[in-house]
Protein backbone atom coordinates (compact mmCIF):
# COMPACT_ATOMS: atom_id res chain seq x y z
CA UNK A 1 109.81 104.26 66.07
CA UNK A 2 109.23 107.33 69.38
CA UNK A 3 106.21 105.14 70.19
CA UNK A 4 108.54 101.88 71.02
CA UNK A 5 111.33 104.24 73.02
CA UNK A 6 108.69 105.36 75.05
CA UNK A 7 107.00 102.57 75.68
CA UNK A 8 110.69 101.12 76.48
CA UNK A 9 110.71 103.90 78.43
CA UNK A 10 107.69 103.96 80.94
CA UNK A 11 108.96 99.89 81.35
CA UNK A 12 111.99 100.36 82.20
CA UNK A 13 110.78 102.97 85.44
CA UNK A 14 107.94 101.01 86.56
CA UNK A 15 111.03 97.84 86.64
CA UNK A 16 112.90 100.66 88.36
CA UNK A 17 110.07 101.28 90.61
CA UNK A 18 110.02 97.60 91.93
CA UNK A 19 113.70 97.17 92.30
CA UNK A 20 113.46 100.01 94.94
CA UNK A 21 111.24 97.47 96.89
CA UNK A 22 112.27 94.19 95.86
CA UNK A 23 116.04 93.03 96.93
CA UNK A 24 116.42 90.79 93.84
CA UNK A 25 115.48 93.70 91.69
CA UNK A 26 118.29 96.46 90.91
CA UNK A 27 117.19 99.74 90.50
CA UNK A 28 119.72 101.47 89.22
CA UNK A 29 119.98 99.51 85.12
CA UNK A 30 116.69 99.90 85.26
CA UNK A 31 116.36 103.95 85.21
CA UNK A 32 119.52 103.90 82.84
CA UNK A 33 117.65 102.52 80.19
CA UNK A 34 114.82 104.32 80.94
CA UNK A 35 117.01 106.89 80.53
CA UNK A 36 118.23 105.60 77.31
CA UNK A 37 114.51 104.82 75.38
CA UNK A 38 113.48 108.88 76.84
CA UNK A 39 116.17 110.52 75.24
CA UNK A 40 115.07 108.62 71.97
CA UNK A 41 111.64 109.75 72.23
CA UNK A 42 111.07 112.35 74.84
CA UNK A 43 113.47 114.53 76.30
CA UNK A 44 110.71 115.80 79.06
CA UNK A 45 110.75 112.77 80.70
CA UNK A 46 113.72 112.90 80.08
CA UNK A 47 114.31 115.88 82.15
CA UNK A 48 111.99 114.64 84.56
CA UNK A 49 114.11 111.43 85.48
CA UNK A 50 117.38 113.26 85.52
CA UNK A 51 116.88 116.13 87.41
CA UNK A 52 114.34 113.63 89.78
CA UNK A 53 115.41 114.26 93.23
CA UNK A 54 115.78 110.84 94.59
CA UNK A 55 116.88 109.01 91.02
CA UNK A 56 118.50 111.94 89.46
CA UNK A 57 121.86 112.25 91.08
CA UNK A 58 123.64 108.70 90.51
CA UNK A 59 121.90 109.20 86.77
CA UNK A 60 123.82 112.25 86.21
CA UNK A 61 127.18 110.68 87.81
CA UNK A 62 126.51 107.78 85.17
CA UNK A 63 126.28 109.87 82.40
CA UNK A 64 129.19 112.84 82.96
CA UNK A 65 131.75 110.67 84.66
CA UNK A 66 130.29 107.03 84.13
CA UNK A 67 130.43 107.04 88.17
CA UNK A 68 129.25 104.93 91.26
CA UNK A 69 129.43 106.53 94.88
CA UNK A 70 130.91 104.69 96.81
CA UNK A 71 128.21 103.80 99.15
CA UNK A 72 126.36 101.68 96.24
CA UNK A 73 129.74 100.25 95.27
CA UNK A 74 129.89 98.90 98.88
CA UNK A 75 126.57 98.60 99.32
CA UNK A 76 126.22 95.95 96.26
CA UNK A 77 129.51 94.60 96.14
CA UNK A 78 128.34 93.71 100.16
CA UNK A 79 124.96 92.41 98.90
CA UNK A 80 126.20 90.24 96.18
CA UNK A 81 128.77 88.24 98.48
CA UNK A 82 125.53 87.35 101.24
CA UNK A 83 124.35 86.26 98.15
CA UNK A 84 126.74 83.70 97.16
CA UNK A 85 127.04 82.66 101.10
CA UNK A 86 123.32 82.16 101.34
CA UNK A 87 123.81 80.28 97.85
CA UNK A 88 126.92 77.77 98.95
CA UNK A 89 125.19 76.98 102.40
CA UNK A 90 122.08 77.27 101.29
CA UNK A 91 122.58 74.51 99.01
CA UNK A 92 125.80 73.61 98.77
CA UNK A 93 125.90 73.46 95.29
CA UNK A 94 129.02 70.70 92.67
CA UNK A 95 132.54 73.02 92.07
CA UNK A 96 131.57 73.47 88.73
CA UNK A 97 128.03 75.08 89.58
CA UNK A 98 130.11 77.22 92.51
CA UNK A 99 132.37 79.08 89.81
CA UNK A 100 130.60 79.13 87.54
CA UNK A 101 128.33 81.29 89.57
CA UNK A 102 131.80 82.47 91.12
CA UNK A 103 132.55 84.42 88.37
CA UNK A 104 128.78 85.52 87.30
CA UNK A 105 129.04 87.94 90.18
CA UNK A 106 132.43 88.75 90.52
CA UNK A 107 132.53 90.25 87.26
CA UNK A 108 130.08 92.86 87.60
CA UNK A 109 131.75 93.70 90.74
CA UNK A 110 134.54 94.14 89.31
CA UNK A 111 133.03 96.28 86.96
CA UNK A 112 131.89 99.04 89.49
CA UNK A 113 134.78 99.14 91.80
CA UNK A 114 136.54 99.65 88.58
CA UNK A 115 134.44 103.49 88.24
CA UNK A 116 135.41 106.19 89.26
CA UNK A 117 133.59 108.02 92.61
CA UNK A 118 131.22 109.66 92.46
């Protein structure tokens, strides 16, 4: 199992790095998964990720307090709103689909906004 968690950890790190450069992929959720996998497979890699100068602070905030920075909240919710506007005006969806997509975007936005501030 240790090897499986180690491989998954590296997969999630790779996806997180890709997400840092592609606007359609998130970074932090993949890095949170990577830390969880490394915690079960390699304390050295877990420490490396938790102490990383760029990615470490938000990972530590989440682990210690379940907190998200206000800047990250504003950025995420703003991008969700822009994405929904593009969806709405770009595709003119039927009402049912528009409501479904809105619900799928509102749920994670509400979750993020109710987390403590880092």
